[in-house]
Amino acid sequence: LFRPGLLAEPETFVILGRSAGDTEGSVVAGA
C-alpha cells in the first residue's frame, strides 16, 4: 500500500522509530 511515490510528496512525512542506539535496526513503531 505504501509506495515510493509517497516520498516525493512534500507535505507527507513517514515517521519511524527504532530502539534507542540502534539506528540501523528494525522499525518497531511509526506514523
All heavy atoms as atom14 arrays in JSON, in Angstrom:
{
  "sequence": "LFRPGLLAEPETFVILGRSAGDTEGSVVAGA",
  "atom14_mask": [
    [1, 1, 1, 1, 1, 1, 1, 1, 0, 0, 0, 0, 0, 0],
    [1, 1, 1, 1, 1, 1, 1, 1, 1, 1, 1, 0, 0, 0],
    [1, 1, 1, 1, 1, 1, 1, 1, 1, 1, 1, 0, 0, 0],
    [1, 1, 1, 1, 1, 1, 1, 0, 0, 0, 0, 0, 0, 0],
    [1, 1, 1, 1, 0, 0, 0, 0, 0, 0, 0, 0, 0, 0],
    [1, 1, 1, 1, 1, 1, 1, 1, 0, 0, 0, 0, 0, 0],
    [1, 1, 1, 1, 1, 1, 1, 1, 0, 0, 0, 0, 0, 0],
    [1, 1, 1, 1, 1, 0, 0, 0, 0, 0, 0, 0, 0, 0],
    [1, 1, 1, 1, 1, 1, 1, 1, 1, 0, 0, 0, 0, 0],
    [1, 1, 1, 1, 1, 1, 1, 0, 0, 0, 0, 0, 0, 0],
    [1, 1, 1, 1, 1, 1, 1, 1, 1, 0, 0, 0, 0, 0],
    [1, 1, 1, 1, 1, 1, 1, 0, 0, 0, 0, 0, 0, 0],
    [1, 1, 1, 1, 1, 1, 1, 1, 1, 1, 1, 0, 0, 0],
    [1, 1, 1, 1, 1, 1, 1, 0, 0, 0, 0, 0, 0, 0],
    [1, 1, 1, 1, 1, 1, 1, 1, 0, 0, 0, 0, 0, 0],
    [1, 1, 1, 1, 1, 1, 1, 1, 0, 0, 0, 0, 0, 0],
    [1, 1, 1, 1, 0, 0, 0, 0, 0, 0, 0, 0, 0, 0],
    [1, 1, 1, 1, 1, 1, 1, 1, 1, 1, 1, 0, 0, 0],
    [1, 1, 1, 1, 1, 1, 0, 0, 0, 0, 0, 0, 0, 0],
    [1, 1, 1, 1, 1, 0, 0, 0, 0, 0, 0, 0, 0, 0],
    [1, 1, 1, 1, 0, 0, 0, 0, 0, 0, 0, 0, 0, 0],
    [1, 1, 1, 1, 1, 1, 1, 1, 0, 0, 0, 0, 0, 0],
    [1, 1, 1, 1, 1, 1, 1, 0, 0, 0, 0, 0, 0, 0],
    [1, 1, 1, 1, 1, 1, 1, 1, 1, 0, 0, 0, 0, 0],
    [1, 1, 1, 1, 0, 0, 0, 0, 0, 0, 0, 0, 0, 0],
    [1, 1, 1, 1, 1, 1, 0, 0, 0, 0, 0, 0, 0, 0],
    [1, 1, 1, 1, 1, 1, 1, 0, 0, 0, 0, 0, 0, 0],
    [1, 1, 1, 1, 1, 1, 1, 0, 0, 0, 0, 0, 0, 0],
    [1, 1, 1, 1, 1, 0, 0, 0, 0, 0, 0, 0, 0, 0],
    [1, 1, 1, 1, 0, 0, 0, 0, 0, 0, 0, 0, 0, 0],
    [1, 1, 1, 1, 1, 0, 0, 0, 0, 0, 0, 0, 0, 0]
  ],
  "atom14_positions": [
    [[0.82, -1.2, 0.0], [0.0, 0.0, 0.0], [0.86, 1.26, 0.0], [0.51, 2.26, -0.63], [-0.91, -0.02, 1.23], [-1.92, 1.11, 1.4], [-2.92, 1.13, 0.27], [-2.63, 0.99, 2.74], [0.0, 0.0, 0.0], [0.0, 0.0, 0.0], [0.0, 0.0, 0.0], [0.0, 0.0, 0.0], [0.0, 0.0, 0.0], [0.0, 0.0, 0.0]],
    [[1.99, 1.22, 0.7], [2.86, 2.39, 0.83], [3.94, 2.33, -0.25], [4.91, 1.58, -0.13], [3.46, 2.46, 2.23], [2.43, 2.79, 3.28], [1.69, 1.78, 3.88], [2.16, 4.1, 3.62], [0.71, 2.08, 4.81], [1.19, 4.41, 4.56], [0.46, 3.39, 5.15], [0.0, 0.0, 0.0], [0.0, 0.0, 0.0], [0.0, 0.0, 0.0]],
    [[3.77, 3.12, -1.29], [4.63, 3.08, -2.46], [5.65, 4.21, -2.45], [5.43, 5.26, -1.83], [3.78, 3.12, -3.73], [2.87, 1.91, -3.84], [2.12, 1.88, -5.15], [1.35, 0.64, -5.28], [0.6, 0.34, -6.33], [0.5, 1.2, -7.35], [-0.05, -0.8, -6.38], [0.0, 0.0, 0.0], [0.0, 0.0, 0.0], [0.0, 0.0, 0.0]],
    [[6.78, 4.02, -3.15], [7.85, 5.03, -3.13], [7.4, 6.42, -3.57], [8.02, 7.42, -3.18], [8.89, 4.45, -4.1], [8.69, 2.97, -4.01], [7.21, 2.78, -3.85], [0.0, 0.0, 0.0], [0.0, 0.0, 0.0], [0.0, 0.0, 0.0], [0.0, 0.0, 0.0], [0.0, 0.0, 0.0], [0.0, 0.0, 0.0], [0.0, 0.0, 0.0]],
    [[6.33, 6.53, -4.37], [5.85, 7.84, -4.77], [5.5, 8.74, -3.6], [5.53, 9.98, -3.73], [0.0, 0.0, 0.0], [0.0, 0.0, 0.0], [0.0, 0.0, 0.0], [0.0, 0.0, 0.0], [0.0, 0.0, 0.0], [0.0, 0.0, 0.0], [0.0, 0.0, 0.0], [0.0, 0.0, 0.0], [0.0, 0.0, 0.0], [0.0, 0.0, 0.0]],
    [[5.19, 8.15, -2.44], [4.9, 8.96, -1.26], [6.1, 9.81, -0.85], [5.93, 10.89, -0.28], [4.49, 8.07, -0.09], [3.08, 7.48, -0.13], [2.9, 6.52, 1.02], [2.03, 8.59, -0.07], [0.0, 0.0, 0.0], [0.0, 0.0, 0.0], [0.0, 0.0, 0.0], [0.0, 0.0, 0.0], [0.0, 0.0, 0.0], [0.0, 0.0, 0.0]],
    [[7.29, 9.32, -1.14], [8.5, 10.05, -0.73], [8.67, 11.34, -1.51], [9.43, 12.22, -1.09], [9.73, 9.16, -0.9], [9.71, 7.85, -0.1], [10.96, 7.04, -0.38], [9.57, 8.12, 1.39], [0.0, 0.0, 0.0], [0.0, 0.0, 0.0], [0.0, 0.0, 0.0], [0.0, 0.0, 0.0], [0.0, 0.0, 0.0], [0.0, 0.0, 0.0]],
    [[7.98, 11.47, -2.63], [8.04, 12.7, -3.44], [6.98, 13.71, -3.02], [6.94, 14.82, -3.57], [7.88, 12.36, -4.91], [0.0, 0.0, 0.0], [0.0, 0.0, 0.0], [0.0, 0.0, 0.0], [0.0, 0.0, 0.0], [0.0, 0.0, 0.0], [0.0, 0.0, 0.0], [0.0, 0.0, 0.0], [0.0, 0.0, 0.0], [0.0, 0.0, 0.0]],
    [[6.12, 13.34, -2.09], [5.07, 14.24, -1.62], [5.64, 15.21, -0.57], [6.02, 14.79, 0.52], [3.9, 13.45, -1.02], [3.14, 12.61, -2.02], [2.3, 13.48, -2.96], [1.97, 14.63, -2.59], [1.95, 12.98, -4.05], [0.0, 0.0, 0.0], [0.0, 0.0, 0.0], [0.0, 0.0, 0.0], [0.0, 0.0, 0.0], [0.0, 0.0, 0.0]],
    [[5.71, 16.5, -0.87], [6.41, 17.42, 0.03], [5.76, 17.62, 1.38], [6.43, 18.05, 2.33], [6.44, 18.74, -0.76], [5.28, 18.64, -1.71], [5.19, 17.19, -2.08], [0.0, 0.0, 0.0], [0.0, 0.0, 0.0], [0.0, 0.0, 0.0], [0.0, 0.0, 0.0], [0.0, 0.0, 0.0], [0.0, 0.0, 0.0], [0.0, 0.0, 0.0]],
    [[4.47, 17.32, 1.51], [3.78, 17.53, 2.78], [3.54, 16.23, 3.54], [2.84, 16.23, 4.55], [2.44, 18.25, 2.53], [2.54, 19.51, 1.69], [3.49, 20.55, 2.29], [3.71, 20.53, 3.52], [4.01, 21.37, 1.52], [0.0, 0.0, 0.0], [0.0, 0.0, 0.0], [0.0, 0.0, 0.0], [0.0, 0.0, 0.0], [0.0, 0.0, 0.0]],
    [[4.12, 15.14, 3.06], [3.95, 13.84, 3.71], [5.25, 13.43, 4.38], [6.3, 13.42, 3.73], [3.52, 12.77, 2.69], [2.25, 13.13, 2.14], [3.4, 11.4, 3.34], [0.0, 0.0, 0.0], [0.0, 0.0, 0.0], [0.0, 0.0, 0.0], [0.0, 0.0, 0.0], [0.0, 0.0, 0.0], [0.0, 0.0, 0.0], [0.0, 0.0, 0.0]],
    [[5.18, 13.06, 5.65], [6.35, 12.69, 6.43], [6.07, 11.35, 7.11], [5.21, 11.26, 7.99], [6.65, 13.76, 7.48], [6.92, 15.12, 6.89], [5.87, 15.92, 6.46], [8.21, 15.59, 6.76], [6.11, 17.17, 5.9], [8.46, 16.83, 6.2], [7.41, 17.63, 5.77], [0.0, 0.0, 0.0], [0.0, 0.0, 0.0], [0.0, 0.0, 0.0]],
    [[6.79, 10.32, 6.67], [6.64, 8.99, 7.25], [7.64, 8.86, 8.38], [8.86, 8.91, 8.15], [6.84, 7.9, 6.19], [6.67, 6.51, 6.82], [5.87, 8.08, 5.02], [0.0, 0.0, 0.0], [0.0, 0.0, 0.0], [0.0, 0.0, 0.0], [0.0, 0.0, 0.0], [0.0, 0.0, 0.0], [0.0, 0.0, 0.0], [0.0, 0.0, 0.0]],
    [[7.15, 8.72, 9.59], [7.99, 8.73, 10.79], [8.23, 7.3, 11.25], [7.29, 6.51, 11.35], [7.31, 9.54, 11.91], [7.12, 10.99, 11.48], [8.1, 9.46, 13.21], [6.15, 11.76, 12.35], [0.0, 0.0, 0.0], [0.0, 0.0, 0.0], [0.0, 0.0, 0.0], [0.0, 0.0, 0.0], [0.0, 0.0, 0.0], [0.0, 0.0, 0.0]],
    [[9.48, 6.98, 11.52], [9.81, 5.65, 12.02], [10.49, 5.73, 13.37], [11.1, 6.73, 13.72], [10.69, 4.88, 11.03], [12.1, 5.38, 10.73], [13.12, 4.95, 11.79], [12.56, 4.88, 9.37], [0.0, 0.0, 0.0], [0.0, 0.0, 0.0], [0.0, 0.0, 0.0], [0.0, 0.0, 0.0], [0.0, 0.0, 0.0], [0.0, 0.0, 0.0]],
    [[10.34, 4.65, 14.12], [11.01, 4.54, 15.41], [11.79, 3.25, 15.5], [11.33, 2.2, 15.06], [0.0, 0.0, 0.0], [0.0, 0.0, 0.0], [0.0, 0.0, 0.0], [0.0, 0.0, 0.0], [0.0, 0.0, 0.0], [0.0, 0.0, 0.0], [0.0, 0.0, 0.0], [0.0, 0.0, 0.0], [0.0, 0.0, 0.0], [0.0, 0.0, 0.0]],
    [[13.01, 3.35, 16.03], [13.85, 2.19, 16.28], [14.31, 2.23, 17.73], [14.3, 3.29, 18.37], [15.07, 2.17, 15.35], [14.74, 1.96, 13.87], [16.03, 1.77, 13.08], [15.79, 1.39, 11.69], [15.98, 2.18, 10.64], [16.39, 3.42, 10.82], [15.75, 1.74, 9.42], [0.0, 0.0, 0.0], [0.0, 0.0, 0.0], [0.0, 0.0, 0.0]],
    [[14.74, 1.1, 18.23], [15.25, 1.06, 19.6], [16.39, 2.04, 19.77], [17.21, 2.22, 18.87], [15.7, -0.36, 19.95], [14.62, -1.26, 19.88], [0.0, 0.0, 0.0], [0.0, 0.0, 0.0], [0.0, 0.0, 0.0], [0.0, 0.0, 0.0], [0.0, 0.0, 0.0], [0.0, 0.0, 0.0], [0.0, 0.0, 0.0], [0.0, 0.0, 0.0]],
    [[16.44, 2.69, 20.92], [17.46, 3.69, 21.18], [18.85, 3.11, 20.97], [19.16, 2.02, 21.45], [17.32, 4.22, 22.6], [0.0, 0.0, 0.0], [0.0, 0.0, 0.0], [0.0, 0.0, 0.0], [0.0, 0.0, 0.0], [0.0, 0.0, 0.0], [0.0, 0.0, 0.0], [0.0, 0.0, 0.0], [0.0, 0.0, 0.0], [0.0, 0.0, 0.0]],
    [[19.68, 3.84, 20.23], [21.04, 3.4, 19.94], [21.15, 2.41, 18.81], [22.25, 2.0, 18.44], [0.0, 0.0, 0.0], [0.0, 0.0, 0.0], [0.0, 0.0, 0.0], [0.0, 0.0, 0.0], [0.0, 0.0, 0.0], [0.0, 0.0, 0.0], [0.0, 0.0, 0.0], [0.0, 0.0, 0.0], [0.0, 0.0, 0.0], [0.0, 0.0, 0.0]],
    [[20.01, 2.03, 18.22], [20.01, 1.03, 17.15], [19.44, 1.66, 15.88], [18.4, 1.28, 15.38], [19.17, -0.19, 17.57], [19.27, -1.35, 16.58], [20.17, -1.31, 15.71], [18.44, -2.27, 16.65], [0.0, 0.0, 0.0], [0.0, 0.0, 0.0], [0.0, 0.0, 0.0], [0.0, 0.0, 0.0], [0.0, 0.0, 0.0], [0.0, 0.0, 0.0]],
    [[20.15, 2.67, 15.36], [19.64, 3.47, 14.25], [19.53, 2.69, 12.95], [18.88, 3.14, 12.0], [20.52, 4.71, 14.02], [21.88, 4.28, 13.78], [20.5, 5.63, 15.23], [0.0, 0.0, 0.0], [0.0, 0.0, 0.0], [0.0, 0.0, 0.0], [0.0, 0.0, 0.0], [0.0, 0.0, 0.0], [0.0, 0.0, 0.0], [0.0, 0.0, 0.0]],
    [[20.14, 1.53, 12.85], [20.04, 0.71, 11.65], [19.22, -0.54, 11.88], [19.14, -1.41, 11.01], [21.45, 0.31, 11.17], [22.35, 1.49, 10.8], [21.77, 2.34, 9.7], [21.15, 1.78, 8.78], [21.94, 3.57, 9.75], [0.0, 0.0, 0.0], [0.0, 0.0, 0.0], [0.0, 0.0, 0.0], [0.0, 0.0, 0.0], [0.0, 0.0, 0.0]],
    [[18.59, -0.63, 13.06], [17.85, -1.84, 13.4], [16.44, -1.85, 12.84], [16.06, -1.03, 12.0], [0.0, 0.0, 0.0], [0.0, 0.0, 0.0], [0.0, 0.0, 0.0], [0.0, 0.0, 0.0], [0.0, 0.0, 0.0], [0.0, 0.0, 0.0], [0.0, 0.0, 0.0], [0.0, 0.0, 0.0], [0.0, 0.0, 0.0], [0.0, 0.0, 0.0]],
    [[15.65, -2.77, 13.32], [14.29, -2.95, 12.82], [13.4, -1.78, 13.21], [13.56, -1.17, 14.27], [13.7, -4.24, 13.4], [14.46, -5.37, 13.01], [0.0, 0.0, 0.0], [0.0, 0.0, 0.0], [0.0, 0.0, 0.0], [0.0, 0.0, 0.0], [0.0, 0.0, 0.0], [0.0, 0.0, 0.0], [0.0, 0.0, 0.0], [0.0, 0.0, 0.0]],
    [[12.44, -1.49, 12.35], [11.41, -0.49, 12.65], [10.43, -1.11, 13.64], [9.86, -2.17, 13.37], [10.68, -0.05, 11.37], [9.57, 0.93, 11.71], [11.65, 0.56, 10.37], [0.0, 0.0, 0.0], [0.0, 0.0, 0.0], [0.0, 0.0, 0.0], [0.0, 0.0, 0.0], [0.0, 0.0, 0.0], [0.0, 0.0, 0.0], [0.0, 0.0, 0.0]],
    [[10.24, -0.47, 14.78], [9.36, -1.02, 15.81], [8.14, -0.14, 16.08], [7.24, -0.56, 16.81], [10.13, -1.27, 17.12], [11.22, -2.31, 16.91], [10.71, 0.02, 17.67], [0.0, 0.0, 0.0], [0.0, 0.0, 0.0], [0.0, 0.0, 0.0], [0.0, 0.0, 0.0], [0.0, 0.0, 0.0], [0.0, 0.0, 0.0], [0.0, 0.0, 0.0]],
    [[8.11, 1.05, 15.49], [6.96, 1.94, 15.65], [6.97, 2.96, 14.53], [8.0, 3.15, 13.86], [6.99, 2.65, 17.01], [0.0, 0.0, 0.0], [0.0, 0.0, 0.0], [0.0, 0.0, 0.0], [0.0, 0.0, 0.0], [0.0, 0.0, 0.0], [0.0, 0.0, 0.0], [0.0, 0.0, 0.0], [0.0, 0.0, 0.0], [0.0, 0.0, 0.0]],
    [[5.84, 3.61, 14.32], [5.8, 4.6, 13.26], [4.46, 5.31, 13.16], [3.51, 5.01, 13.89], [0.0, 0.0, 0.0], [0.0, 0.0, 0.0], [0.0, 0.0, 0.0], [0.0, 0.0, 0.0], [0.0, 0.0, 0.0], [0.0, 0.0, 0.0], [0.0, 0.0, 0.0], [0.0, 0.0, 0.0], [0.0, 0.0, 0.0], [0.0, 0.0, 0.0]],
    [[4.41, 6.25, 12.24], [3.2, 7.03, 11.97], [3.42, 7.79, 10.67], [4.54, 7.84, 10.14], [2.91, 8.0, 13.12], [0.0, 0.0, 0.0], [0.0, 0.0, 0.0], [0.0, 0.0, 0.0], [0.0, 0.0, 0.0], [0.0, 0.0, 0.0], [0.0, 0.0, 0.0], [0.0, 0.0, 0.0], [0.0, 0.0, 0.0], [0.0, 0.0, 0.0]]
  ]
}
